[in-house]
Amino acid sequence: MTCNTPTGNTPSTTTLLGAAEIQTCQLCGDSRSTLKFADGPFRVLCCDGCGLVYVTPRLQGMALEAIYDAGYWKSDNPKIRGYADYARAGELYLKTFRRRMRLVNRHVPKPARVLDVGCAAGFFLRVAQRAGHDVFGVELSAAIAKDAVEAIGADKIHIGTLEQATVALDLQAGSFDLITLWDVIEHIPDPQAILRRVRTLLKPGGQLLLETQNVQSLWARLLGRRWHHYKHHEHLYHFSPSTIRRLLADCGFTTKELTAAYAGKFVSFAFIAERAGRLGRITGLLASPLKLFAGCNLYVNPRDEMIVVAKPV
């Protein structure tokens, strides 16, 4: 457990509509915390009890769900919210998931029954389906889920929550070999609830595979508050290896593997220029010529994300 000393500005008194203050740590219940930094109405705290990093105040209910409308997937300001153009980067996501299948294949036999929670446009499911797996997906955002429905089929994709999907898609307990959550767990107000439901859906010997950011990575520590994963409307938690292991253990899982090896992504040069701009005006100007080569791409892994493979105890 590591909590940095307080940095940044004095917390703002700006009112954030649809938000509520978070008084205790979701992971250990401790009310003691250290301020990492403040950013407008948001404060990023580190729990003194377990080291979980979390955001307060936090959007609630419909205000949180409204974040994931069409503007999230084609955002005017991806530094604050969402993606510059998620659908346009589809070929790069497919390329990324084809690379990640090397990790999946190490842990999951073929053919397997696979459920992707938070499947977005279904890019992972498309790759898994082509590899011979029987795939299903759940996505809360109707704005992007329509692409998954078109690619995979309405009988395989549910637009809504995982709880709703168990009925709508008739997802039986103990029926999946693999359940994935790619860049999802940090968005969910109650991660314990969804992980416990995931556990009931896995077969004996089934695997959970999730990806999330690593707030204790070297890149995160070097960039501090400029780290690009500090997007306070949507990223409610920032896990570390110790806190994600504890969360999984509390929900009945044991961690088999935790790695940054496959957590990189294929990105366009335009994406790199946009991310460089977040580091400051000078860095943005130096990187701006990359926009001229927007059609080019490369694999980038700053090792500030982690992929965790776990199984029910």
Protein backbone atom coordinates (compact mmCIF):
# COMPACT_ATOMS: atom_id res chain seq x y z
CA MET A 1 0.00 0.00 0.00
CA THR A 2 1.40 3.39 -1.02
CA CYS A 3 -0.37 6.72 -0.64
CA ASN A 4 1.36 9.77 -2.06
CA THR A 5 1.54 12.98 -0.09
CA PRO A 6 -1.14 15.56 -0.91
CA THR A 7 -0.54 17.49 -4.13
CA GLY A 8 -2.50 19.77 -6.42
CA ASN A 9 -5.06 22.46 -5.72
CA THR A 10 -7.45 23.01 -2.90
CA PRO A 11 -10.67 21.03 -3.60
CA SER A 12 -13.13 23.09 -5.64
CA THR A 13 -16.57 23.91 -4.33
CA THR A 14 -18.03 23.63 -7.85
CA THR A 15 -21.26 21.63 -7.81
CA LEU A 16 -21.27 18.53 -10.00
CA LEU A 17 -24.85 17.68 -10.93
CA GLY A 18 -25.82 14.05 -10.42
CA ALA A 19 -22.79 13.34 -8.23
CA ALA A 20 -22.34 12.31 -4.61
CA GLU A 21 -19.43 12.41 -2.20
CA ILE A 22 -17.78 9.08 -1.45
CA GLN A 23 -17.16 8.75 2.27
CA THR A 24 -15.55 5.31 2.53
CA CYS A 25 -13.32 3.03 0.48
CA GLN A 26 -15.28 0.57 -1.67
CA LEU A 27 -12.64 -2.10 -1.14
CA CYS A 28 -11.96 -2.08 2.62
CA GLY A 29 -14.54 0.30 4.06
CA ASP A 30 -11.95 2.62 5.63
CA SER A 31 -12.94 6.30 5.81
CA ARG A 32 -9.35 7.53 6.13
CA SER A 33 -7.68 8.70 2.93
CA THR A 34 -4.88 10.85 1.55
CA LEU A 35 -5.50 13.42 -1.17
CA LYS A 36 -3.39 12.73 -4.26
CA PHE A 37 -4.64 15.81 -6.11
CA ALA A 38 -7.75 17.86 -6.85
CA ASP A 39 -9.02 18.66 -10.33
CA GLY A 40 -12.01 21.00 -10.58
CA PRO A 41 -14.83 19.50 -8.53
CA PHE A 42 -13.07 16.13 -8.31
CA ARG A 43 -10.62 14.81 -5.75
CA VAL A 44 -8.49 11.74 -6.30
CA LEU A 45 -7.95 9.95 -3.00
CA CYS A 46 -5.80 7.06 -1.85
CA CYS A 47 -7.31 4.89 0.88
CA ASP A 48 -5.06 4.81 3.95
CA GLY A 49 -6.31 1.32 4.78
CA CYS A 50 -5.72 -0.64 1.56
CA GLY A 51 -4.23 1.75 -1.01
CA LEU A 52 -7.19 1.81 -3.41
CA VAL A 53 -7.22 5.04 -5.43
CA TYR A 54 -10.69 6.42 -6.10
CA VAL A 55 -12.52 9.55 -7.19
CA THR A 56 -14.96 11.73 -5.27
CA PRO A 57 -17.50 13.13 -5.88
CA ARG A 58 -18.79 10.43 -8.21
CA LEU A 59 -21.53 10.55 -10.80
CA GLN A 60 -24.49 8.38 -9.83
CA GLY A 61 -27.26 6.45 -11.58
CA MET A 62 -28.60 8.03 -14.75
CA ALA A 63 -25.99 10.81 -14.65
CA LEU A 64 -23.24 8.18 -14.86
CA GLU A 65 -25.01 6.14 -17.55
CA ALA A 66 -25.51 9.31 -19.63
CA ILE A 67 -21.73 9.60 -19.98
CA TYR A 68 -21.77 6.67 -22.41
CA ASP A 69 -23.92 8.21 -25.14
CA ALA A 70 -22.88 8.62 -28.78
CA GLY A 71 -20.65 11.55 -27.82
CA TYR A 72 -18.55 9.25 -25.63
CA TRP A 73 -17.50 7.12 -28.59
CA LYS A 74 -16.75 10.14 -30.81
CA SER A 75 -15.70 12.74 -28.31
CA ASP A 76 -14.89 16.39 -28.87
CA ASN A 77 -12.58 16.24 -25.84
CA PRO A 78 -11.20 12.71 -25.31
CA LYS A 79 -8.81 14.08 -22.69
CA ILE A 80 -11.83 14.50 -20.42
CA ARG A 81 -14.26 11.89 -21.71
CA GLY A 82 -14.40 8.95 -24.07
CA TYR A 83 -12.64 8.32 -27.38
CA ALA A 84 -11.76 10.58 -30.30
CA ASP A 85 -13.37 8.13 -32.75
CA TYR A 86 -13.76 4.59 -31.41
CA ALA A 87 -15.42 3.07 -34.48
CA ARG A 88 -12.87 4.56 -36.87
CA ALA A 89 -10.09 2.81 -34.95
CA GLY A 90 -11.83 -0.55 -35.38
CA GLU A 91 -9.08 -2.20 -37.42
CA LEU A 92 -6.53 -1.30 -34.76
CA TYR A 93 -8.70 -2.80 -32.00
CA LEU A 94 -9.06 -5.98 -34.03
CA LYS A 95 -5.29 -6.08 -34.50
CA THR A 96 -4.79 -5.56 -30.76
CA PHE A 97 -7.16 -8.36 -29.81
CA ARG A 98 -5.59 -10.75 -32.31
CA ARG A 99 -2.33 -10.20 -30.44
CA ARG A 100 -4.06 -10.70 -27.07
CA MET A 101 -5.49 -14.01 -28.21
CA ARG A 102 -2.02 -15.44 -27.58
CA LEU A 103 -2.65 -14.92 -23.87
CA VAL A 104 -6.23 -16.16 -24.08
CA ASN A 105 -5.09 -19.34 -25.84
CA ARG A 106 -2.69 -20.13 -23.00
CA HIS A 107 -5.54 -20.31 -20.50
CA VAL A 108 -8.66 -21.30 -22.42
CA PRO A 109 -9.25 -24.39 -24.58
CA LYS A 110 -10.85 -24.19 -28.02
CA PRO A 111 -13.67 -24.13 -28.73
CA ALA A 112 -14.80 -22.25 -25.61
CA ARG A 113 -17.98 -20.46 -24.58
CA VAL A 114 -17.01 -16.81 -24.08
CA LEU A 115 -18.83 -13.83 -22.57
CA ASP A 116 -17.44 -10.31 -22.92
CA VAL A 117 -18.87 -7.87 -20.37
CA GLY A 118 -18.70 -4.30 -21.65
CA CYS A 119 -18.13 -5.53 -25.20
CA ALA A 120 -18.54 -2.10 -26.89
CA ALA A 121 -18.54 -2.67 -30.66
CA GLY A 122 -17.67 -6.33 -30.19
CA PHE A 123 -14.11 -6.22 -31.50
CA PHE A 124 -12.81 -8.86 -29.09
CA LEU A 125 -15.84 -11.04 -29.78
CA ARG A 126 -15.23 -10.84 -33.54
CA VAL A 127 -11.65 -12.04 -33.08
CA ALA A 128 -12.69 -14.79 -30.64
CA GLN A 129 -15.49 -15.94 -32.94
CA ARG A 130 -13.11 -16.20 -35.89
CA ALA A 131 -10.84 -18.30 -33.64
CA GLY A 132 -13.69 -20.79 -33.23
CA HIS A 133 -15.25 -19.73 -29.91
CA ASP A 134 -18.98 -19.44 -29.17
CA VAL A 135 -19.31 -15.79 -28.15
CA PHE A 136 -21.77 -13.60 -26.26
CA GLY A 137 -21.58 -9.95 -25.23
CA VAL A 138 -23.14 -7.41 -22.89
CA GLU A 139 -22.90 -3.66 -23.39
CA LEU A 140 -24.68 -0.88 -21.50
CA SER A 141 -24.21 1.78 -24.20
CA ALA A 142 -26.74 1.36 -27.00
CA ALA A 143 -24.80 3.92 -29.05
CA ILE A 144 -21.91 1.47 -29.62
CA ALA A 145 -23.60 -1.88 -28.95
CA LYS A 146 -25.48 -1.63 -32.25
CA ASP A 147 -22.17 -2.32 -33.99
CA ALA A 148 -21.70 -5.48 -31.93
CA VAL A 149 -25.25 -6.59 -32.72
CA GLU A 150 -24.62 -6.07 -36.43
CA ALA A 151 -21.37 -8.05 -36.32
CA ILE A 152 -22.29 -10.86 -33.91
CA GLY A 153 -26.09 -11.04 -33.95
CA ALA A 154 -28.97 -9.84 -31.77
CA ASP A 155 -29.28 -13.29 -30.21
CA LYS A 156 -25.71 -13.03 -28.91
CA ILE A 157 -25.54 -9.42 -27.68
CA HIS A 158 -27.57 -7.81 -24.91
CA ILE A 159 -27.80 -4.04 -24.59
CA GLY A 160 -28.10 -3.35 -20.89
CA THR A 161 -26.64 -4.73 -17.67
CA LEU A 162 -25.17 -8.16 -16.98
CA GLU A 163 -28.04 -8.85 -14.59
CA GLN A 164 -30.54 -8.14 -17.36
CA ALA A 165 -28.54 -10.20 -19.83
CA THR A 166 -28.75 -13.35 -17.71
CA VAL A 167 -32.49 -13.33 -18.42
CA ALA A 168 -32.53 -11.84 -21.92
CA LEU A 169 -29.87 -14.20 -23.29
CA ASP A 170 -30.74 -17.06 -20.90
CA LEU A 171 -27.22 -17.16 -19.49
CA GLN A 172 -27.10 -20.22 -17.31
CA ALA A 173 -25.03 -20.53 -14.14
CA GLY A 174 -21.80 -22.43 -14.70
CA SER A 175 -22.00 -22.18 -18.49
CA PHE A 176 -18.95 -20.15 -19.59
CA ASP A 177 -15.32 -21.16 -20.05
CA LEU A 178 -14.13 -17.55 -20.21
CA ILE A 179 -15.57 -14.20 -19.16
CA THR A 180 -13.70 -11.01 -20.07
CA LEU A 181 -13.83 -7.40 -18.90
CA TRP A 182 -11.58 -5.26 -21.07
CA ASP A 183 -11.13 -1.76 -19.59
CA VAL A 184 -14.42 -2.09 -17.70
CA ILE A 185 -13.93 -2.73 -13.99
CA GLU A 186 -12.71 0.83 -13.26
CA HIS A 187 -15.98 2.23 -14.65
CA ILE A 188 -18.32 0.22 -12.40
CA PRO A 189 -19.53 1.79 -9.11
CA ASP A 190 -19.96 -1.64 -7.45
CA PRO A 191 -17.26 -3.91 -8.92
CA GLN A 192 -17.87 -6.57 -6.27
CA ALA A 193 -21.44 -7.13 -7.43
CA ILE A 194 -20.49 -7.73 -11.05
CA LEU A 195 -17.54 -9.96 -10.19
CA ARG A 196 -19.69 -12.14 -7.95
CA ARG A 197 -22.24 -12.50 -10.73
CA VAL A 198 -19.44 -13.36 -13.16
CA ARG A 199 -18.28 -16.05 -10.77
CA THR A 200 -21.69 -17.76 -10.85
CA LEU A 201 -21.64 -17.85 -14.66
CA LEU A 202 -18.24 -19.54 -14.95
CA LYS A 203 -17.91 -23.28 -15.34
CA PRO A 204 -15.82 -25.18 -12.82
CA GLY A 205 -12.30 -24.43 -14.01
CA GLY A 206 -13.51 -21.43 -16.00
CA GLN A 207 -11.38 -18.29 -16.31
CA LEU A 208 -11.92 -14.60 -15.72
CA LEU A 209 -9.74 -12.24 -17.71
CA LEU A 210 -9.81 -8.52 -17.07
CA GLU A 211 -7.75 -5.52 -18.07
CA THR A 212 -7.46 -2.30 -16.11
CA GLN A 213 -5.00 0.50 -15.51
CA ASN A 214 -2.15 0.23 -13.02
CA VAL A 215 -1.94 3.37 -10.88
CA GLN A 216 1.38 2.19 -9.40
CA SER A 217 3.06 1.77 -12.79
CA LEU A 218 6.19 3.77 -13.53
CA TRP A 219 4.39 5.79 -16.21
CA ALA A 220 1.54 6.72 -13.85
CA ARG A 221 3.98 7.79 -11.15
CA LEU A 222 6.11 9.83 -13.55
CA LEU A 223 3.15 11.69 -15.07
CA GLY A 224 1.29 12.26 -11.82
CA ARG A 225 -1.97 14.13 -12.37
CA ARG A 226 -1.22 14.33 -16.13
CA TRP A 227 -1.56 10.54 -16.48
CA HIS A 228 -4.09 10.04 -19.27
CA HIS A 229 -6.17 7.51 -17.31
CA TYR A 230 -7.26 10.17 -14.81
CA LYS A 231 -10.64 10.78 -16.49
CA HIS A 232 -12.80 11.50 -13.48
CA HIS A 233 -16.28 11.27 -14.95
CA GLU A 234 -15.74 7.67 -16.04
CA HIS A 235 -12.74 6.15 -14.24
CA LEU A 236 -14.07 5.77 -10.72
CA TYR A 237 -11.23 3.58 -9.44
CA HIS A 238 -7.53 3.23 -10.20
CA PHE A 239 -6.28 -0.20 -9.22
CA SER A 240 -2.80 -1.46 -8.48
CA PRO A 241 -1.63 -5.10 -8.51
CA SER A 242 -2.32 -5.39 -4.78
CA THR A 243 -5.78 -3.80 -4.83
CA ILE A 244 -7.01 -5.73 -7.88
CA ARG A 245 -5.82 -8.99 -6.28
CA ARG A 246 -7.64 -8.08 -3.07
CA LEU A 247 -10.84 -7.22 -4.97
CA LEU A 248 -10.74 -10.54 -6.80
CA ALA A 249 -10.02 -12.49 -3.61
CA ASP A 250 -12.92 -10.80 -1.84
CA CYS A 251 -15.18 -11.95 -4.69
CA GLY A 252 -14.07 -15.58 -4.60
CA PHE A 253 -11.24 -15.60 -7.17
CA THR A 254 -7.58 -16.47 -7.04
CA THR A 255 -5.19 -14.64 -9.36
CA LYS A 256 -3.32 -16.95 -11.74
CA GLU A 257 -1.42 -14.37 -13.76
CA LEU A 258 -0.98 -10.60 -13.68
CA THR A 259 0.96 -9.14 -16.56
CA ALA A 260 1.53 -5.99 -18.58
CA ALA A 261 2.93 -8.03 -21.47
CA TYR A 262 -0.24 -8.02 -23.59
CA ALA A 263 -1.76 -4.79 -22.26
CA GLY A 264 -0.45 -2.57 -25.04
CA LYS A 265 -2.46 -1.42 -28.06
CA PHE A 266 -1.99 -0.72 -31.74
CA VAL A 267 -2.54 3.01 -32.13
CA SER A 268 -2.45 5.53 -34.96
CA PHE A 269 0.14 8.28 -35.14
CA ALA A 270 -2.73 10.75 -34.75
CA PHE A 271 -3.62 9.07 -31.45
CA ILE A 272 -0.04 9.43 -30.24
CA ALA A 273 -0.08 13.13 -31.15
CA GLU A 274 -3.35 13.61 -29.25
CA ARG A 275 -2.00 11.85 -26.13
CA ALA A 276 1.23 13.87 -26.31
CA GLY A 277 -0.86 17.01 -26.25
CA ARG A 278 -2.17 16.01 -22.84
CA LEU A 279 1.34 16.24 -21.41
CA GLY A 280 1.61 19.94 -22.16
CA ARG A 281 1.58 22.53 -24.93
CA ILE A 282 5.24 22.09 -25.91
CA THR A 283 5.00 18.30 -26.02
CA GLY A 284 1.86 18.61 -28.12
CA LEU A 285 3.55 20.94 -30.58
CA LEU A 286 6.57 18.65 -30.94
CA ALA A 287 4.29 15.67 -31.64
CA SER A 288 1.88 17.50 -33.95
CA PRO A 289 3.72 16.47 -37.19
CA LEU A 290 2.66 12.89 -36.46
CA LYS A 291 -0.87 13.90 -37.51
CA LEU A 292 0.42 14.03 -41.07
CA PHE A 293 0.91 10.26 -40.85
CA ALA A 294 -2.48 9.55 -39.28
CA GLY A 295 -2.92 6.40 -41.36
CA CYS A 296 0.20 4.78 -39.90
CA ASN A 297 0.16 2.78 -36.70
CA LEU A 298 2.39 0.94 -34.28
CA TYR A 299 2.15 -1.18 -31.16
CA VAL A 300 2.62 0.83 -27.96
CA ASN A 301 2.87 -0.56 -24.45
CA PRO A 302 3.86 1.91 -21.72
CA ARG A 303 3.12 -0.91 -19.24
CA ASP A 304 0.68 1.24 -17.30
CA GLU A 305 -2.14 -1.26 -17.76
CA MET A 306 -2.38 -4.80 -16.51
CA ILE A 307 -4.19 -7.93 -17.61
CA VAL A 308 -5.28 -10.30 -14.86
CA VAL A 309 -6.25 -13.93 -15.31
CA ALA A 310 -8.15 -15.39 -12.35
CA LYS A 311 -10.24 -18.44 -11.54
CA PRO A 312 -12.94 -19.12 -8.95
CA VAL A 313 -11.61 -20.57 -5.73
